[in-house]
Amino acid sequence: MRAARALLLLPLLGGMGCKDDGPKPEDTSTTAEATLPSACDDPSLTWEGFAQPFFSSWCTSCHGSALVGLARHGAPEGIDFDTLEATIPFSPLIELVAVDALTMPPTDAIEPAHRARLADWIACGTPGVDVPPPQLLFCDDPQFFEGSVTTSALPAGACSEWNAITGDATIDASSPLSDCLCEVGGSVVVTSPEDVSLPELVTVGGDLRLEGSVATTALELPFLTTVGGSIFVTDDPALTRVDLARLETLGGGLLVARNPVLSDMVSMQSVATVGDGVQFIDLDALVSLDATPRALTIGGRIVVSDNDLLERVWLAEGLTTNTIGIEISLNPMLGRIEGLTRLETVGDLTLTRLPELLALPVFQQLESADSVVISETRVLTSLFGLDHLQSVAGLLEVRANSALTDVDALVRVENIGGGLTVRDNLLLPTSAVDALVETIGLENISGAVDTAGNGPG
């Protein structure tokens, strides 16, 4: 009965959470009726201790009070979960759809134990208090120091006379400036051997660089909204956490690479515009990555490569064009690639050496690409997701996918400007490949055709 009621409430909470990860998990959660009394004795089971971080991670990217119109992705106006006061009236409905029916948020990335804990929090009476976000105390009227600043040799008057810098800021030691710095006209370079928190920093005109630090374990920039240049976070053997949660505009690119213990890349759901590329490379401890999922513009190459434990990645939902390309490769545990549903045109599309990839992204509108390479997967059985592809300017390659059994998704391809390679797919019937070539037509394939090494039949 509760599940049936939940279905009736879906139109009301239709936008609750925005992630769509395919099949829903088995309902192994603990509902309110089964809540153990001891759960309510847990001092961390509060709004500030559990529920607020849960809703912030999974719901407020659509159900946020500051969002309007299309930015809500279908979430009804007035149903917001960024404060306890606003959330409490909807808690019975939240339990029905998020715990019982498992329909919201529409993702299987949430661990069943976390949904069960949400049920406990509701059953215990939604305990906790609203914790207002930190106020930006100094940045309504920034006072500038003319020139560049190094925190280990700080000029007089920091915070009392000035809280912004026209030049560069080098963070090489702890300093009172960290608590009040709100704007840097040039670049910010972090070389400090300690954790770095700049809670007031809103704008950086140049680059943001943390490169090769030997001891920085956290980079906290919770209110940074604009970086005019690029962000480089690389080669830090101790870095575990990066917080860029409110970053909206990045004039250059983003490179996060070779940080072996980085496990918490705080969701970058606010990013709308990236002038250059976005790259996440060689991050051996990262399991889940929300890589600019709300970005509408990414001017350069998108790369997610060589991440040993990465299981899921969520890429730009609203991106329609990327003329440079997308490469997702060498991620041995990656099972799900989410997002990219509005992509229409792409440069080079390369998905390779992804042995656990279960399915391609659902490219609902992808019609043209400079090249497409799908290779060296072990459990991918079909190319569903490329159903709308019509034109490939260069090479179309489907190679060495050991579980692939059909290529029916490519039947709409009308022309290939380079070659067509469909080879060494051991379970793919040769007759299916021959039929594909015939459907496209040799006259519509400008380069060589290689169909050797596929399966019998």
Foldseek 3Di string as FASTA:
>chain_A
DLLVVLVVCCLQAVLFFPFAFPDADDQPADALVRADPVLLVPPQLACVNAVLVVCVQTGQQQQPQVDDDCSNVNHDHQQHDNWLVSPLVCLVSCRSDVRPNVPPPNHNPDDSHSNNSSNNCVSSPRHDHTDDDDDLDAPVDFAEDEDEAEQVDGDPDQPNHGQEYLEEYEDAEDHPSLARRAYYNAEYEYQHLEAGARARHAEYNEEYEDEQHAHHAEHHHQRHAYYQYEYYAENYQRHAEYHPQRHAEANEEYEHEHHARHAYYDANQRHAEHNEEYEYYQHANYAEEAGNQQYQYHAYEYEYAQHARHAEYHHHQNHAEHQHEYEYEHHARHAYYEHCCNHAEYEEYYYEHHANHAADYQNNHHAEYQEYEAEDYEHHAEHHNLQRHAEHQEEYEYYQHARHAAHVSCLNHQAHNYEYYYAQHANHALVRVVVSCVSNDPVRYNYYYHYYHYYHD
